Protein backbone atom coordinates (compact mmCIF):
# COMPACT_ATOMS: atom_id res chain seq x y z
CA MET A 1 0.02 -0.18 0.00
CA ASP A 2 1.07 3.57 -0.44
CA LYS A 3 1.32 5.22 3.04
CA GLN A 4 2.15 8.96 0.20
CA LEU A 5 -1.16 8.83 -0.72
CA ILE A 6 -3.14 8.55 2.63
CA MET A 7 -0.77 11.09 3.79
CA ASP A 8 -1.21 13.80 0.37
CA ILE A 9 -4.96 12.64 1.23
CA CYS A 10 -4.81 13.74 5.01
CA ASP A 11 -2.78 16.96 4.06
CA LYS A 12 -5.09 18.00 1.83
CA LEU A 13 -8.03 17.82 3.49
CA ASP A 14 -6.31 19.52 6.77
CA THR A 15 -5.33 22.61 4.81
CA ASP A 16 -9.06 22.60 2.72
CA ILE A 17 -11.07 21.33 5.18
CA PRO A 18 -9.92 23.51 8.27
CA ALA A 19 -13.25 22.60 10.36
CA LEU A 20 -12.22 18.91 10.26
CA LYS A 21 -10.42 18.30 14.27
CA THR A 22 -8.75 15.10 13.67
CA ILE A 23 -7.77 13.68 10.26
CA ASP A 24 -6.08 10.15 10.30
CA ILE A 25 -5.47 6.80 9.06
CA ASP A 26 -8.79 4.63 9.86
CA PHE A 27 -7.28 2.34 12.17
CA GLY A 28 -10.69 1.09 13.65
CA GLN A 29 -11.39 3.74 16.23
CA PHE A 30 -15.04 3.97 15.84
CA THR A 31 -15.60 0.19 16.45
CA PRO A 32 -15.20 0.10 20.29
CA ALA A 33 -18.53 0.40 21.97
CA GLU A 34 -17.26 3.81 23.95
CA ARG A 35 -16.66 7.05 22.27
CA PRO A 36 -14.03 7.23 19.64
CA GLY A 37 -10.51 8.66 21.33
CA VAL A 38 -10.79 11.53 18.14
CA ALA A 39 -11.75 14.95 18.41
CA LEU A 40 -15.50 15.55 16.55
CA PRO A 41 -15.69 16.48 13.66
CA CYS A 42 -13.30 13.71 12.31
CA CYS A 43 -12.50 11.98 9.17
CA LEU A 44 -10.85 9.24 8.94
CA VAL A 45 -8.92 7.82 6.02
CA ASP A 46 -8.12 4.47 4.35
CA VAL A 47 -7.16 2.82 0.80
CA ALA A 48 -7.57 -0.52 -0.88
CA TYR A 49 -5.93 -1.75 -3.76
CA GLY A 50 -8.90 -3.46 -5.91
CA ASN A 51 -7.32 -3.60 -9.37
CA CYS A 52 -3.74 -4.21 -10.20
CA LYS A 53 -2.08 -5.20 -13.36
CA ASP A 54 1.30 -6.11 -14.22
CA THR A 55 2.49 -3.46 -16.82
CA ASP A 56 6.36 -4.24 -16.79
CA GLY A 57 8.55 -5.17 -14.99
CA GLN A 58 8.19 -4.97 -11.09
CA ASN A 59 5.54 -2.38 -12.10
CA GLN A 60 1.79 -1.94 -11.89
CA GLN A 61 -0.99 -0.13 -12.66
CA VAL A 62 -3.54 0.31 -10.10
CA THR A 63 -6.98 1.15 -9.10
CA ALA A 64 -6.77 2.62 -5.52
CA THR A 65 -10.27 3.24 -3.42
CA ILE A 66 -9.97 6.00 -0.95
CA THR A 67 -12.44 5.34 1.89
CA LEU A 68 -12.99 8.48 4.16
CA ARG A 69 -15.41 8.12 7.38
CA ILE A 70 -16.15 11.95 8.44
CA ALA A 71 -17.68 11.72 11.45
CA HIS A 72 -19.74 13.94 13.59
CA ASN A 73 -22.40 13.98 17.11
CA GLY A 74 -25.71 13.40 15.88
CA LEU A 75 -27.83 15.98 17.48
CA GLY A 76 -31.30 14.62 16.62
CA LYS A 77 -34.25 16.35 15.18
CA THR A 78 -33.84 17.61 11.52
CA SER A 79 -37.72 18.61 11.01
CA THR A 80 -38.77 21.44 8.98
CA LYS A 81 -40.03 22.86 12.74
CA SER A 82 -36.97 22.09 14.64
CA PRO A 83 -34.55 24.73 15.70
CA GLN A 84 -31.71 22.36 15.81
CA ARG A 85 -32.37 21.40 11.97
CA SER A 86 -29.61 23.77 10.47
CA GLU A 87 -27.01 22.30 13.26
CA ALA A 88 -28.08 18.76 12.96
CA LEU A 89 -26.97 19.04 8.92
CA ALA A 90 -24.44 21.12 8.98
CA ALA A 91 -22.40 18.47 8.79
CA LEU A 92 -23.62 17.90 5.06
CA ASP A 93 -22.06 20.49 4.22
CA MET A 94 -18.78 19.83 5.36
CA ILE A 95 -19.49 16.70 3.11
CA ARG A 96 -20.03 18.93 0.62
CA ASP A 97 -16.69 21.22 1.03
CA ILE A 98 -14.85 17.45 1.14
CA HIS A 99 -16.24 16.25 -1.99
CA LEU A 100 -14.67 19.68 -3.39
CA SER A 101 -11.66 19.55 -2.41
CA LEU A 102 -11.12 15.51 -3.55
CA GLN A 103 -13.58 15.40 -6.61
CA GLY A 104 -10.54 15.48 -9.31
CA TRP A 105 -7.96 16.43 -7.50
CA ASP A 106 -4.98 14.64 -8.70
CA ASN A 107 -2.21 16.33 -6.23
CA ASN A 108 0.02 17.59 -9.34
CA GLY A 109 -0.19 14.59 -11.69
CA SER A 110 0.79 12.01 -8.67
CA PHE A 111 -2.34 9.92 -9.81
CA ASP A 112 -5.00 10.57 -12.01
CA PRO A 113 -8.07 12.42 -10.86
CA LEU A 114 -9.97 11.33 -7.56
CA THR A 115 -13.53 9.90 -8.76
CA ARG A 116 -16.10 9.46 -5.97
CA THR A 117 -17.73 6.42 -6.97
CA SER A 118 -20.26 6.00 -3.38
CA ALA A 119 -21.47 8.17 -0.90
CA ALA A 120 -23.94 6.97 2.31
CA PRO A 121 -24.28 7.04 6.20
CA GLU A 122 -23.14 4.42 8.10
CA LYS A 123 -26.61 2.74 10.37
CA ARG A 124 -25.04 3.10 14.34
CA SER A 125 -26.64 2.81 17.46
CA ASP A 126 -24.27 4.92 19.14
CA GLY A 127 -25.85 8.18 18.72
CA LEU A 128 -22.04 9.01 16.39
CA ARG A 129 -23.14 9.95 12.36
CA VAL A 130 -20.83 8.50 10.22
CA TYR A 131 -20.95 9.29 6.41
CA ARG A 132 -18.35 6.61 4.37
CA ILE A 133 -17.74 8.42 0.95
CA THR A 134 -15.40 6.37 -1.67
CA TYR A 135 -13.13 7.40 -4.32
CA GLN A 136 -11.25 6.30 -7.11
CA ALA A 137 -7.51 6.54 -8.31
CA GLN A 138 -5.47 5.16 -10.87
CA PHE A 139 -1.32 5.48 -10.84
CA VAL A 140 1.57 3.24 -11.49
CA ASP A 141 3.04 1.83 -8.56
CA CYS A 142 7.22 1.25 -9.75
CA PHE A 143 9.34 -0.83 -8.32
CA ASP A 144 12.07 -1.04 -11.17
CA ILE A 145 15.16 -0.83 -9.87
């Protein structure tokens, strides 16, 4: 896996989305039953190589899936009559800002432009609101010596 890709995405989000209090690699921080050890709102990043094809020597064409898990405290009521509606839906503005930051970004040609492939909320019972957004990018993984 390419740690530089994860670091580049984290750095991009840190620069572009100052409202995020924690940006980190996803080590399963939301798995425990107790509250996560991260400051909210936060974005956890992970990368998987779903499709790799040999090109020549040790080099491969890689299609990477980048998964973002964006979390904030769920605030409950969002009905049209609720005074908390705007605050409860503010996370959607942050998700839009994250998408505007990453969609089409190629880190100066380090990889093909990122393309969002899916976005959905996760079902949780702990009061934490988590959105999972995936992007894809392609690049050549070079190992020629």
